[in-house]
């Protein structure tokens, strides 16, 4: 008979306090044998939706411990692929050696590029080892000295999740445009292009830039945080707002331990109205301008712009299990 102490199992985690600074929920499990493949660890909310997922290195037999930082998934971030006119040698810099993409850099934004801390309530930990899933309940508790009640804190998390999803939407559009503009950049390097073809490339590139630089600024595209010369566009405005209503960023402490304010809600709605307009512009370019360009270059040496199959951007690094 199998000894329960030696069985592969997920230990029932202790309740975790929703601390704003360095929150942690310890997760222990035992393995009877070394896992044959990476172990999948998921956190599910009370409705059964997965809010965090992480692949762990295949563990060794015996007791292992990891921890969840109690955050939802981080937003997807912008991955720049093009060469800015202001710095044609950017890819030669040591910081981007062998890199295919580079981030938008700005002082203080790293702490704001994260998902919100989960609100008080009941959750489920699910550990999948070599195809077999093990689950245990996990409760997140509101600290006695918290500034918001349970309803306030969960309402704040809902607002932060809206902002997180808006950042991801902005990143998805920017990354798609960057990928297409990189294709145009490579086409422009082809020797012997006729002036007419060069004009067509420049025209569609300008159309794409007109949308992209509503999402990020030209200064953002420099990947250099010395450039604070222009007003922020939607990407950084949403990231800074994520810090303001979340756990901070730059010299802002954040308000994640409070309920949402009328000002915070109004700022989100205002930025979302601006984003809706850019989404409309983006859809028009993708549905009309790009197909028109592809049709116009039929029979020429130019390759049509690919709108599907873009390489995935690097995974967000703001949230992680340890």
C-alpha atoms as a PDB file:
ATOM      1  CA  UNK A   1       0.000   0.000   0.000  1.00  0.00           C
ATOM      2  CA  UNK A   2       1.242   3.505  -0.874  1.00  0.00           C
ATOM      3  CA  UNK A   3       2.470   5.515   2.081  1.00  0.00           C
ATOM      4  CA  UNK A   4       0.450   8.818   2.149  1.00  0.00           C
ATOM      5  CA  UNK A   5       3.559  10.650   3.248  1.00  0.00           C
ATOM      6  CA  UNK A   6       5.313   9.592   0.052  1.00  0.00           C
ATOM      7  CA  UNK A   7       2.402  10.165  -2.339  1.00  0.00           C
ATOM      8  CA  UNK A   8       2.522  12.924  -4.932  1.00  0.00           C
ATOM      9  CA  UNK A   9       0.265  15.562  -3.447  1.00  0.00           C
ATOM     10  CA  UNK A  10      -0.376  19.260  -3.147  1.00  0.00           C
ATOM     11  CA  UNK A  11      -0.288  20.390   0.466  1.00  0.00           C
ATOM     12  CA  UNK A  12      -3.233  22.526   1.604  1.00  0.00           C
ATOM     13  CA  UNK A  13      -1.777  26.055   1.719  1.00  0.00           C
ATOM     14  CA  UNK A  14      -2.217  28.246   4.754  1.00  0.00           C
ATOM     15  CA  UNK A  15      -4.451  31.334   4.340  1.00  0.00           C
ATOM     16  CA  UNK A  16      -2.462  34.301   3.019  1.00  0.00           C
ATOM     17  CA  UNK A  17      -2.801  37.920   4.091  1.00  0.00           C
ATOM     18  CA  UNK A  18      -3.322  40.439   1.292  1.00  0.00           C
ATOM     19  CA  UNK A  19      -0.268  42.533   2.044  1.00  0.00           C
ATOM     20  CA  UNK A  20       0.481  45.353  -0.429  1.00  0.00           C
ATOM     21  CA  UNK A  21       4.240  45.141  -0.019  1.00  0.00           C
ATOM     22  CA  UNK A  22       5.727  41.812  -1.112  1.00  0.00           C
ATOM     23  CA  UNK A  23       2.622  39.623  -0.703  1.00  0.00           C
ATOM     24  CA  UNK A  24       3.306  35.895  -0.756  1.00  0.00           C
ATOM     25  CA  UNK A  25       1.320  32.671  -0.567  1.00  0.00           C
ATOM     26  CA  UNK A  26       3.486  29.611   0.130  1.00  0.00           C
ATOM     27  CA  UNK A  27       2.673  26.528  -1.953  1.00  0.00           C
ATOM     28  CA  UNK A  28       4.158  23.162  -0.950  1.00  0.00           C
ATOM     29  CA  UNK A  29       3.928  19.855  -2.798  1.00  0.00           C
ATOM     30  CA  UNK A  30       5.544  16.435  -2.703  1.00  0.00           C
ATOM     31  CA  UNK A  31       6.570  14.193  -5.584  1.00  0.00           C
ATOM     32  CA  UNK A  32       7.029  10.426  -5.488  1.00  0.00           C
ATOM     33  CA  UNK A  33       9.415  10.623  -8.435  1.00  0.00           C
ATOM     34  CA  UNK A  34      11.038  13.267 -10.567  1.00  0.00           C
ATOM     35  CA  UNK A  35       8.492  14.786 -12.948  1.00  0.00           C
ATOM     36  CA  UNK A  36       8.978  13.840 -16.592  1.00  0.00           C
ATOM     37  CA  UNK A  37       7.987  17.300 -17.835  1.00  0.00           C
ATOM     38  CA  UNK A  38       7.625  20.850 -16.441  1.00  0.00           C
ATOM     39  CA  UNK A  39       5.027  21.140 -13.694  1.00  0.00           C
ATOM     40  CA  UNK A  40       2.090  23.475 -14.324  1.00  0.00           C
ATOM     41  CA  UNK A  41       0.924  25.601 -11.414  1.00  0.00           C
ATOM     42  CA  UNK A  42      -2.321  27.589 -11.734  1.00  0.00           C
ATOM     43  CA  UNK A  43      -4.360  29.869  -9.499  1.00  0.00           C
ATOM     44  CA  UNK A  44      -8.119  29.888 -10.074  1.00  0.00           C
ATOM     45  CA  UNK A  45     -10.620  32.405  -8.744  1.00  0.00           C
ATOM     46  CA  UNK A  46     -13.952  31.570  -7.089  1.00  0.00           C
ATOM     47  CA  UNK A  47     -15.606  31.212 -10.533  1.00  0.00           C
ATOM     48  CA  UNK A  48     -12.999  28.743 -11.741  1.00  0.00           C
ATOM     49  CA  UNK A  49     -11.197  31.155 -14.069  1.00  0.00           C
ATOM     50  CA  UNK A  50      -7.405  30.860 -14.221  1.00  0.00           C
ATOM     51  CA  UNK A  51      -5.853  34.145 -13.076  1.00  0.00           C
ATOM     52  CA  UNK A  52      -2.190  33.032 -13.015  1.00  0.00           C
ATOM     53  CA  UNK A  53      -0.305  30.222 -14.657  1.00  0.00           C
ATOM     54  CA  UNK A  54       3.336  29.261 -14.411  1.00  0.00           C
ATOM     55  CA  UNK A  55       5.453  26.342 -15.575  1.00  0.00           C
ATOM     56  CA  UNK A  56       7.853  25.095 -12.915  1.00  0.00           C
ATOM     57  CA  UNK A  57      11.046  23.184 -13.531  1.00  0.00           C
ATOM     58  CA  UNK A  58      10.434  19.463 -13.218  1.00  0.00           C
ATOM     59  CA  UNK A  59      10.878  18.779  -9.519  1.00  0.00           C
ATOM     60  CA  UNK A  60      12.821  16.093  -7.685  1.00  0.00           C
ATOM     61  CA  UNK A  61      11.258  13.497  -5.371  1.00  0.00           C
ATOM     62  CA  UNK A  62      10.320  14.766  -1.942  1.00  0.00           C
ATOM     63  CA  UNK A  63       9.001  18.068  -0.616  1.00  0.00           C
ATOM     64  CA  UNK A  64       9.221  21.219  -2.746  1.00  0.00           C
ATOM     65  CA  UNK A  65       8.082  24.773  -2.091  1.00  0.00           C
ATOM     66  CA  UNK A  66       7.221  27.609  -4.413  1.00  0.00           C
ATOM     67  CA  UNK A  67       5.265  30.794  -3.806  1.00  0.00           C
ATOM     68  CA  UNK A  68       2.685  32.937  -5.553  1.00  0.00           C
ATOM     69  CA  UNK A  69       3.098  36.699  -5.365  1.00  0.00           C
ATOM     70  CA  UNK A  70      -0.723  36.867  -5.186  1.00  0.00           C
ATOM     71  CA  UNK A  71      -0.974  38.862  -8.422  1.00  0.00           C
ATOM     72  CA  UNK A  72      -3.081  38.333 -11.515  1.00  0.00           C
ATOM     73  CA  UNK A  73      -1.257  37.879 -14.818  1.00  0.00           C
ATOM     74  CA  UNK A  74       0.746  40.910 -15.938  1.00  0.00           C
ATOM     75  CA  UNK A  75      -0.233  42.893 -19.049  1.00  0.00           C
ATOM     76  CA  UNK A  76       1.395  42.102 -22.362  1.00  0.00           C
ATOM     77  CA  UNK A  77       4.029  44.717 -23.162  1.00  0.00           C
ATOM     78  CA  UNK A  78       5.292  46.472 -26.282  1.00  0.00           C
ATOM     79  CA  UNK A  79       8.135  44.733 -28.121  1.00  0.00           C
ATOM     80  CA  UNK A  80       9.758  47.143 -30.596  1.00  0.00           C
ATOM     81  CA  UNK A  81      11.228  45.662 -33.784  1.00  0.00           C
ATOM     82  CA  UNK A  82      11.906  48.620 -36.074  1.00  0.00           C
ATOM     83  CA  UNK A  83      14.933  50.904 -36.350  1.00  0.00           C
ATOM     84  CA  UNK A  84      14.232  54.517 -35.299  1.00  0.00           C
ATOM     85  CA  UNK A  85      15.361  57.136 -37.794  1.00  0.00           C
ATOM     86  CA  UNK A  86      17.004  59.052 -34.951  1.00  0.00           C
ATOM     87  CA  UNK A  87      19.283  56.098 -34.113  1.00  0.00           C
ATOM     88  CA  UNK A  88      19.990  53.886 -37.146  1.00  0.00           C
ATOM     89  CA  UNK A  89      22.627  51.942 -35.179  1.00  0.00           C
ATOM     90  CA  UNK A  90      20.412  51.040 -32.234  1.00  0.00           C
ATOM     91  CA  UNK A  91      20.642  47.293 -32.857  1.00  0.00           C
ATOM     92  CA  UNK A  92      24.437  47.509 -32.698  1.00  0.00           C
ATOM     93  CA  UNK A  93      24.326  48.648 -29.070  1.00  0.00           C
ATOM     94  CA  UNK A  94      25.536  46.015 -26.569  1.00  0.00           C
ATOM     95  CA  UNK A  95      22.239  46.138 -24.645  1.00  0.00           C
ATOM     96  CA  UNK A  96      20.427  44.732 -27.703  1.00  0.00           C
ATOM     97  CA  UNK A  97      23.094  42.268 -28.800  1.00  0.00           C
ATOM     98  CA  UNK A  98      21.405  39.248 -30.420  1.00  0.00           C
ATOM     99  CA  UNK A  99      17.961  40.655 -29.516  1.00  0.00           C
ATOM    100  CA  UNK A 100      15.012  40.585 -31.910  1.00  0.00           C
ATOM    101  CA  UNK A 101      12.970  43.058 -29.890  1.00  0.00           C
ATOM    102  CA  UNK A 102      13.517  45.824 -27.399  1.00  0.00           C
ATOM    103  CA  UNK A 103      11.207  47.352 -24.777  1.00  0.00           C
ATOM    104  CA  UNK A 104       9.864  50.827 -24.213  1.00  0.00           C
ATOM    105  CA  UNK A 105      12.106  52.185 -21.472  1.00  0.00           C
ATOM    106  CA  UNK A 106      11.087  54.915 -19.086  1.00  0.00           C
ATOM    107  CA  UNK A 107      12.234  55.614 -15.556  1.00  0.00           C
ATOM    108  CA  UNK A 108       9.966  54.156 -12.901  1.00  0.00           C
ATOM    109  CA  UNK A 109       7.529  52.146 -15.035  1.00  0.00           C
ATOM    110  CA  UNK A 110       8.795  48.652 -14.178  1.00  0.00           C
ATOM    111  CA  UNK A 111       6.840  48.398 -10.869  1.00  0.00           C
ATOM    112  CA  UNK A 112       3.676  49.430 -12.759  1.00  0.00           C
ATOM    113  CA  UNK A 113       3.994  46.745 -15.461  1.00  0.00           C
ATOM    114  CA  UNK A 114       2.297  44.158 -13.260  1.00  0.00           C
ATOM    115  CA  UNK A 115      -1.097  42.633 -12.679  1.00  0.00           C
ATOM    116  CA  UNK A 116      -3.141  43.612  -9.616  1.00  0.00           C
ATOM    117  CA  UNK A 117      -2.878  41.839  -6.282  1.00  0.00           C
ATOM    118  CA  UNK A 118      -5.816  39.450  -6.005  1.00  0.00           C
ATOM    119  CA  UNK A 119      -8.651  40.617  -3.784  1.00  0.00           C
ATOM    120  CA  UNK A 120      -9.759  38.949  -0.561  1.00  0.00           C
ATOM    121  CA  UNK A 121     -11.687  35.752  -1.130  1.00  0.00           C
ATOM    122  CA  UNK A 122     -11.475  32.048  -1.918  1.00  0.00           C
ATOM    123  CA  UNK A 123      -9.172  30.688  -4.618  1.00  0.00           C
ATOM    124  CA  UNK A 124      -7.956  27.304  -5.807  1.00  0.00           C
ATOM    125  CA  UNK A 125      -4.399  26.147  -6.392  1.00  0.00           C
ATOM    126  CA  UNK A 126      -4.077  23.547  -9.166  1.00  0.00           C
ATOM    127  CA  UNK A 127      -0.854  21.626  -9.686  1.00  0.00           C
ATOM    128  CA  UNK A 128      -0.546  19.414 -12.774  1.00  0.00           C
ATOM    129  CA  UNK A 129       2.218  16.815 -12.712  1.00  0.00           C
ATOM    130  CA  UNK A 130       2.703  14.619 -15.784  1.00  0.00           C
ATOM    131  CA  UNK A 131      -0.951  14.989 -16.751  1.00  0.00           C
ATOM    132  CA  UNK A 132      -2.466  14.481 -13.281  1.00  0.00           C
ATOM    133  CA  UNK A 133      -4.034  17.514 -11.579  1.00  0.00           C
ATOM    134  CA  UNK A 134      -4.062  18.115  -7.832  1.00  0.00           C
ATOM    135  CA  UNK A 135      -6.116  20.920  -6.253  1.00  0.00           C
ATOM    136  CA  UNK A 136      -6.364  22.604  -2.888  1.00  0.00           C
ATOM    137  CA  UNK A 137      -8.313  25.656  -1.638  1.00  0.00           C
ATOM    138  CA  UNK A 138      -6.511  28.878  -0.800  1.00  0.00           C
ATOM    139  CA  UNK A 139      -8.034  31.813   1.037  1.00  0.00           C
ATOM    140  CA  UNK A 140      -6.741  35.372   0.776  1.00  0.00           C
ATOM    141  CA  UNK A 141      -7.517  37.415   3.880  1.00  0.00           C
ATOM    142  CA  UNK A 142      -7.944  41.167   4.292  1.00  0.00           C
ATOM    143  CA  UNK A 143      -5.499  42.509   6.879  1.00  0.00           C
ATOM    144  CA  UNK A 144      -7.168  44.152   9.903  1.00  0.00           C
ATOM    145  CA  UNK A 145      -5.421  47.452   9.161  1.00  0.00           C
ATOM    146  CA  UNK A 146      -6.487  47.565   5.505  1.00  0.00           C
ATOM    147  CA  UNK A 147      -7.920  50.899   4.341  1.00  0.00           C
ATOM    148  CA  UNK A 148     -10.742  49.286   2.341  1.00  0.00           C
ATOM    149  CA  UNK A 149     -13.361  46.676   3.131  1.00  0.00           C
ATOM    150  CA  UNK A 150     -13.590  43.476   1.111  1.00  0.00           C
ATOM    151  CA  UNK A 151     -16.043  44.989  -1.403  1.00  0.00           C
ATOM    152  CA  UNK A 152     -13.866  48.078  -1.888  1.00  0.00           C
ATOM    153  CA  UNK A 153     -10.746  46.026  -2.532  1.00  0.00           C
ATOM    154  CA  UNK A 154     -12.402  43.684  -5.028  1.00  0.00           C
ATOM    155  CA  UNK A 155     -13.927  46.671  -6.867  1.00  0.00           C
ATOM    156  CA  UNK A 156     -10.444  48.188  -7.066  1.00  0.00           C
ATOM    157  CA  UNK A 157      -9.057  44.935  -8.490  1.00  0.00           C
ATOM    158  CA  UNK A 158     -11.782  44.919 -11.158  1.00  0.00           C
ATOM    159  CA  UNK A 159     -10.779  48.439 -12.225  1.00  0.00           C
ATOM    160  CA  UNK A 160      -7.101  47.484 -12.276  1.00  0.00           C
ATOM    161  CA  UNK A 161      -7.905  44.468 -14.458  1.00  0.00           C
ATOM    162  CA  UNK A 162      -9.612  46.770 -16.967  1.00  0.00           C
ATOM    163  CA  UNK A 163      -6.431  48.847 -17.126  1.00  0.00           C
ATOM    164  CA  UNK A 164      -4.300  45.717 -17.412  1.00  0.00           C
ATOM    165  CA  UNK A 165      -6.379  44.520 -20.365  1.00  0.00           C
ATOM    166  CA  UNK A 166      -6.194  47.966 -21.997  1.00  0.00           C
ATOM    167  CA  UNK A 167      -2.383  47.883 -21.756  1.00  0.00           C
ATOM    168  CA  UNK A 168      -2.422  44.446 -23.396  1.00  0.00           C
ATOM    169  CA  UNK A 169      -4.696  45.690 -26.196  1.00  0.00           C
ATOM    170  CA  UNK A 170      -2.381  48.640 -26.862  1.00  0.00           C
ATOM    171  CA  UNK A 171       0.629  46.323 -26.879  1.00  0.00           C
ATOM    172  CA  UNK A 172      -1.034  43.887 -29.277  1.00  0.00           C
ATOM    173  CA  UNK A 173      -1.763  46.642 -31.810  1.00  0.00           C
ATOM    174  CA  UNK A 174       1.675  48.225 -31.447  1.00  0.00           C
ATOM    175  CA  UNK A 175       3.418  44.870 -31.784  1.00  0.00           C
ATOM    176  CA  UNK A 176       1.451  43.995 -34.918  1.00  0.00           C
ATOM    177  CA  UNK A 177       2.334  47.346 -36.487  1.00  0.00           C
ATOM    178  CA  UNK A 178       5.981  46.996 -35.466  1.00  0.00           C
ATOM    179  CA  UNK A 179       6.125  43.564 -37.087  1.00  0.00           C
ATOM    180  CA  UNK A 180       4.651  44.858 -40.348  1.00  0.00           C
ATOM    181  CA  UNK A 181       6.878  47.926 -40.350  1.00  0.00           C
ATOM    182  CA  UNK A 182       9.874  45.656 -39.820  1.00  0.00           C
ATOM    183  CA  UNK A 183       8.832  43.791 -42.970  1.00  0.00           C
ATOM    184  CA  UNK A 184       8.763  47.101 -44.844  1.00  0.00           C
ATOM    185  CA  UNK A 185      12.157  48.017 -43.397  1.00  0.00           C
ATOM    186  CA  UNK A 186      13.638  44.799 -44.772  1.00  0.00           C
ATOM    187  CA  UNK A 187      12.019  45.431 -48.144  1.00  0.00           C
ATOM    188  CA  UNK A 188      13.556  48.906 -48.265  1.00  0.00           C
ATOM    189  CA  UNK A 189      17.009  47.375 -47.873  1.00  0.00           C
ATOM    190  CA  UNK A 190      16.566  45.386 -51.069  1.00  0.00           C
ATOM    191  CA  UNK A 191      18.850  46.824 -53.683  1.00  0.00           C
ATOM    192  CA  UNK A 192      17.594  48.108 -56.969  1.00  0.00           C
ATOM    193  CA  UNK A 193      14.124  49.176 -55.889  1.00  0.00           C
ATOM    194  CA  UNK A 194      12.509  51.590 -58.303  1.00  0.00           C
ATOM    195  CA  UNK A 195      11.523  55.011 -57.014  1.00  0.00           C
ATOM    196  CA  UNK A 196       7.853  54.174 -57.479  1.00  0.00           C
ATOM    197  CA  UNK A 197       8.133  51.102 -55.262  1.00  0.00           C
ATOM    198  CA  UNK A 198      10.075  53.043 -52.642  1.00  0.00           C
ATOM    199  CA  UNK A 199       7.260  55.612 -52.548  1.00  0.00           C
ATOM    200  CA  UNK A 200       4.675  52.882 -52.027  1.00  0.00           C
ATOM    201  CA  UNK A 201       6.672  51.453 -49.116  1.00  0.00           C
ATOM    202  CA  UNK A 202       7.059  54.900 -47.576  1.00  0.00           C
ATOM    203  CA  UNK A 203       3.343  55.647 -47.969  1.00  0.00           C
ATOM    204  CA  UNK A 204       2.090  52.517 -46.200  1.00  0.00           C
ATOM    205  CA  UNK A 205       4.784  52.902 -43.550  1.00  0.00           C
ATOM    206  CA  UNK A 206       3.555  56.438 -42.885  1.00  0.00           C
ATOM    207  CA  UNK A 207      -0.026  55.139 -42.597  1.00  0.00           C
ATOM    208  CA  UNK A 208       1.073  52.566 -40.038  1.00  0.00           C
ATOM    209  CA  UNK A 209       3.098  55.132 -38.102  1.00  0.00           C
ATOM    210  CA  UNK A 210       0.090  57.456 -37.910  1.00  0.00           C
ATOM    211  CA  UNK A 211      -1.660  54.787 -35.826  1.00  0.00           C
ATOM    212  CA  UNK A 212       1.355  53.514 -33.910  1.00  0.00           C
ATOM    213  CA  UNK A 213       2.409  56.926 -32.658  1.00  0.00           C
ATOM    214  CA  UNK A 214      -0.986  57.465 -31.104  1.00  0.00           C
ATOM    215  CA  UNK A 215      -0.251  54.395 -28.970  1.00  0.00           C
ATOM    216  CA  UNK A 216       3.389  55.123 -28.165  1.00  0.00           C
ATOM    217  CA  UNK A 217       5.435  58.265 -28.804  1.00  0.00           C
ATOM    218  CA  UNK A 218       8.397  58.578 -31.150  1.00  0.00           C
ATOM    219  CA  UNK A 219      10.510  59.107 -28.044  1.00  0.00           C
ATOM    220  CA  UNK A 220       9.258  55.769 -26.642  1.00  0.00           C
ATOM    221  CA  UNK A 221      10.486  54.067 -29.813  1.00  0.00           C
ATOM    222  CA  UNK A 222      14.039  55.114 -28.929  1.00  0.00           C
ATOM    223  CA  UNK A 223      14.154  52.626 -26.005  1.00  0.00           C
ATOM    224  CA  UNK A 224      16.099  55.224 -24.069  1.00  0.00           C
ATOM    225  CA  UNK A 225      14.738  56.715 -20.863  1.00  0.00           C
ATOM    226  CA  UNK A 226      16.729  59.923 -21.339  1.00  0.00           C
ATOM    227  CA  UNK A 227      14.086  61.042 -23.843  1.00  0.00           C
ATOM    228  CA  UNK A 228      11.386  62.789 -21.817  1.00  0.00           C
ATOM    229  CA  UNK A 229      10.816  65.342 -24.549  1.00  0.00           C
ATOM    230  CA  UNK A 230       7.235  64.621 -25.599  1.00  0.00           C
ATOM    231  CA  UNK A 231       3.900  64.040 -23.928  1.00  0.00           C
ATOM    232  CA  UNK A 232       3.065  60.431 -23.112  1.00  0.00           C
ATOM    233  CA  UNK A 233       0.760  58.541 -25.411  1.00  0.00           C
ATOM    234  CA  UNK A 234      -1.767  55.900 -24.433  1.00  0.00           C
ATOM    235  CA  UNK A 235       0.726  53.141 -23.602  1.00  0.00           C
ATOM    236  CA  UNK A 236       2.619  55.028 -20.911  1.00  0.00           C
ATOM    237  CA  UNK A 237      -0.500  56.868 -19.724  1.00  0.00           C
ATOM    238  CA  UNK A 238      -2.174  53.531 -18.985  1.00  0.00           C
ATOM    239  CA  UNK A 239       0.972  52.100 -17.369  1.00  0.00           C
ATOM    240  CA  UNK A 240       1.336  55.111 -15.094  1.00  0.00           C
ATOM    241  CA  UNK A 241      -2.373  54.890 -14.245  1.00  0.00           C
ATOM    242  CA  UNK A 242      -1.873  51.198 -13.476  1.00  0.00           C
ATOM    243  CA  UNK A 243       0.695  52.271 -10.906  1.00  0.00           C
ATOM    244  CA  UNK A 244      -1.495  55.050  -9.492  1.00  0.00           C
ATOM    245  CA  UNK A 245      -4.511  52.807  -8.849  1.00  0.00           C
ATOM    246  CA  UNK A 246      -2.360  49.732  -8.173  1.00  0.00           C
ATOM    247  CA  UNK A 247       0.808  49.175  -6.196  1.00  0.00           C
ATOM    248  CA  UNK A 248       2.805  52.131  -7.420  1.00  0.00           C
ATOM    249  CA  UNK A 249       5.521  53.075  -9.875  1.00  0.00           C
ATOM    250  CA  UNK A 250       8.205  55.731 -10.036  1.00  0.00           C
ATOM    251  CA  UNK A 251       7.695  58.022  -7.057  1.00  0.00           C
ATOM    252  CA  UNK A 252       4.008  57.050  -6.689  1.00  0.00           C
ATOM    253  CA  UNK A 253       3.060  54.712  -3.841  1.00  0.00           C
ATOM    254  CA  UNK A 254      -0.213  53.552  -5.393  1.00  0.00           C
ATOM    255  CA  UNK A 255      -3.659  53.071  -3.866  1.00  0.00           C
ATOM    256  CA  UNK A 256      -4.136  49.294  -4.077  1.00  0.00           C
ATOM    257  CA  UNK A 257      -5.285  49.112  -0.440  1.00  0.00           C
ATOM    258  CA  UNK A 258      -8.210  51.476  -1.054  1.00  0.00           C
ATOM    259  CA  UNK A 259     -11.439  51.284  -2.995  1.00  0.00           C
ATOM    260  CA  UNK A 260     -11.676  52.919  -6.436  1.00  0.00           C
ATOM    261  CA  UNK A 261     -12.161  56.696  -6.477  1.00  0.00           C
ATOM    262  CA  UNK A 262     -14.354  58.757  -8.786  1.00  0.00           C
ATOM    263  CA  UNK A 263     -11.212  60.382 -10.165  1.00  0.00           C
ATOM    264  CA  UNK A 264      -9.578  57.030 -10.899  1.00  0.00           C
ATOM    265  CA  UNK A 265     -12.694  55.714 -12.628  1.00  0.00           C
ATOM    266  CA  UNK A 266     -13.014  58.927 -14.671  1.00  0.00           C
ATOM    267  CA  UNK A 267      -9.372  58.704 -15.795  1.00  0.00           C
ATOM    268  CA  UNK A 268      -9.827  55.115 -16.936  1.00  0.00           C
ATOM    269  CA  UNK A 269     -12.981  55.986 -18.872  1.00  0.00           C
ATOM    270  CA  UNK A 270     -11.339  59.006 -20.512  1.00  0.00           C
ATOM    271  CA  UNK A 271      -8.318  57.013 -21.646  1.00  0.00           C
ATOM    272  CA  UNK A 272     -10.581  54.216 -22.883  1.00  0.00           C
ATOM    273  CA  UNK A 273     -12.502  56.720 -25.010  1.00  0.00           C
ATOM    274  CA  UNK A 274      -9.198  57.779 -26.594  1.00  0.00           C
ATOM    275  CA  UNK A 275      -8.254  54.148 -27.057  1.00  0.00           C
ATOM    276  CA  UNK A 276     -11.550  53.365 -28.782  1.00  0.00           C
ATOM    277  CA  UNK A 277     -10.751  55.982 -31.427  1.00  0.00           C
ATOM    278  CA  UNK A 278      -7.303  54.484 -32.089  1.00  0.00           C
ATOM    279  CA  UNK A 279      -8.798  50.989 -32.251  1.00  0.00           C
ATOM    280  CA  UNK A 280     -11.095  52.277 -34.994  1.00  0.00           C
ATOM    281  CA  UNK A 281      -8.133  53.753 -36.871  1.00  0.00           C
ATOM    282  CA  UNK A 282      -6.204  50.506 -36.472  1.00  0.00           C
ATOM    283  CA  UNK A 283      -9.123  48.430 -37.785  1.00  0.00           C
ATOM    284  CA  UNK A 284      -9.441  50.669 -40.831  1.00  0.00           C
ATOM    285  CA  UNK A 285      -5.749  50.326 -41.627  1.00  0.00           C
ATOM    286  CA  UNK A 286      -5.812  46.557 -41.232  1.00  0.00           C
ATOM    287  CA  UNK A 287      -9.086  46.079 -43.123  1.00  0.00           C
ATOM    288  CA  UNK A 288      -8.519  48.620 -45.909  1.00  0.00           C
ATOM    289  CA  UNK A 289      -5.079  50.191 -46.218  1.00  0.00           C
ATOM    290  CA  UNK A 290      -2.929  47.086 -45.838  1.00  0.00           C
ATOM    291  CA  UNK A 291      -5.012  44.967 -48.282  1.00  0.00           C
ATOM    292  CA  UNK A 292      -4.977  47.899 -50.748  1.00  0.00           C
ATOM    293  CA  UNK A 293      -1.170  48.096 -50.498  1.00  0.00           C
ATOM    294  CA  UNK A 294      -0.798  44.346 -50.982  1.00  0.00           C
ATOM    295  CA  UNK A 295      -3.022  44.481 -54.059  1.00  0.00           C
ATOM    296  CA  UNK A 296      -1.112  47.449 -55.489  1.00  0.00           C
ATOM    297  CA  UNK A 297       2.236  45.620 -55.434  1.00  0.00           C
ATOM    298  CA  UNK A 298       0.987  42.533 -57.244  1.00  0.00           C
ATOM    299  CA  UNK A 299       3.407  41.762 -60.044  1.00  0.00           C
ATOM    300  CA  UNK A 300       6.243  43.763 -58.460  1.00  0.00           C
ATOM    301  CA  UNK A 301       9.330  42.419 -56.642  1.00  0.00           C
ATOM    302  CA  UNK A 302       7.807  43.550 -53.318  1.00  0.00           C
ATOM    303  CA  UNK A 303       6.377  40.989 -50.920  1.00  0.00           C
ATOM    304  CA  UNK A 304       2.887  41.536 -49.494  1.00  0.00           C
ATOM    305  CA  UNK A 305       2.652  42.503 -45.842  1.00  0.00           C
ATOM    306  CA  UNK A 306       1.921  39.535 -43.602  1.00  0.00           C
ATOM    307  CA  UNK A 307      -0.829  40.257 -41.110  1.00  0.00           C
ATOM    308  CA  UNK A 308      -0.862  36.869 -39.381  1.00  0.00           C
ATOM    309  CA  UNK A 309       1.798  34.677 -37.863  1.00  0.00           C
ATOM    310  CA  UNK A 310       3.649  37.446 -36.038  1.00  0.00           C
ATOM    311  CA  UNK A 311       6.351  36.157 -33.671  1.00  0.00           C
ATOM    312  CA  UNK A 312       5.105  36.293 -30.072  1.00  0.00           C
ATOM    313  CA  UNK A 313       6.577  39.095 -27.961  1.00  0.00           C
ATOM    314  CA  UNK A 314       8.691  38.187 -24.943  1.00  0.00           C
ATOM    315  CA  UNK A 315       6.649  37.063 -21.936  1.00  0.00           C
ATOM    316  CA  UNK A 316       6.025  39.760 -19.300  1.00  0.00           C
ATOM    317  CA  UNK A 317       8.554  39.602 -16.478  1.00  0.00           C
ATOM    318  CA  UNK A 318       6.740  41.754 -13.923  1.00  0.00           C
ATOM    319  CA  UNK A 319       4.976  38.853 -12.191  1.00  0.00           C
ATOM    320  CA  UNK A 320       6.457  35.463 -11.452  1.00  0.00           C
ATOM    321  CA  UNK A 321       6.212  32.519  -9.142  1.00  0.00           C
ATOM    322  CA  UNK A 322       9.349  31.846  -7.138  1.00  0.00           C
END
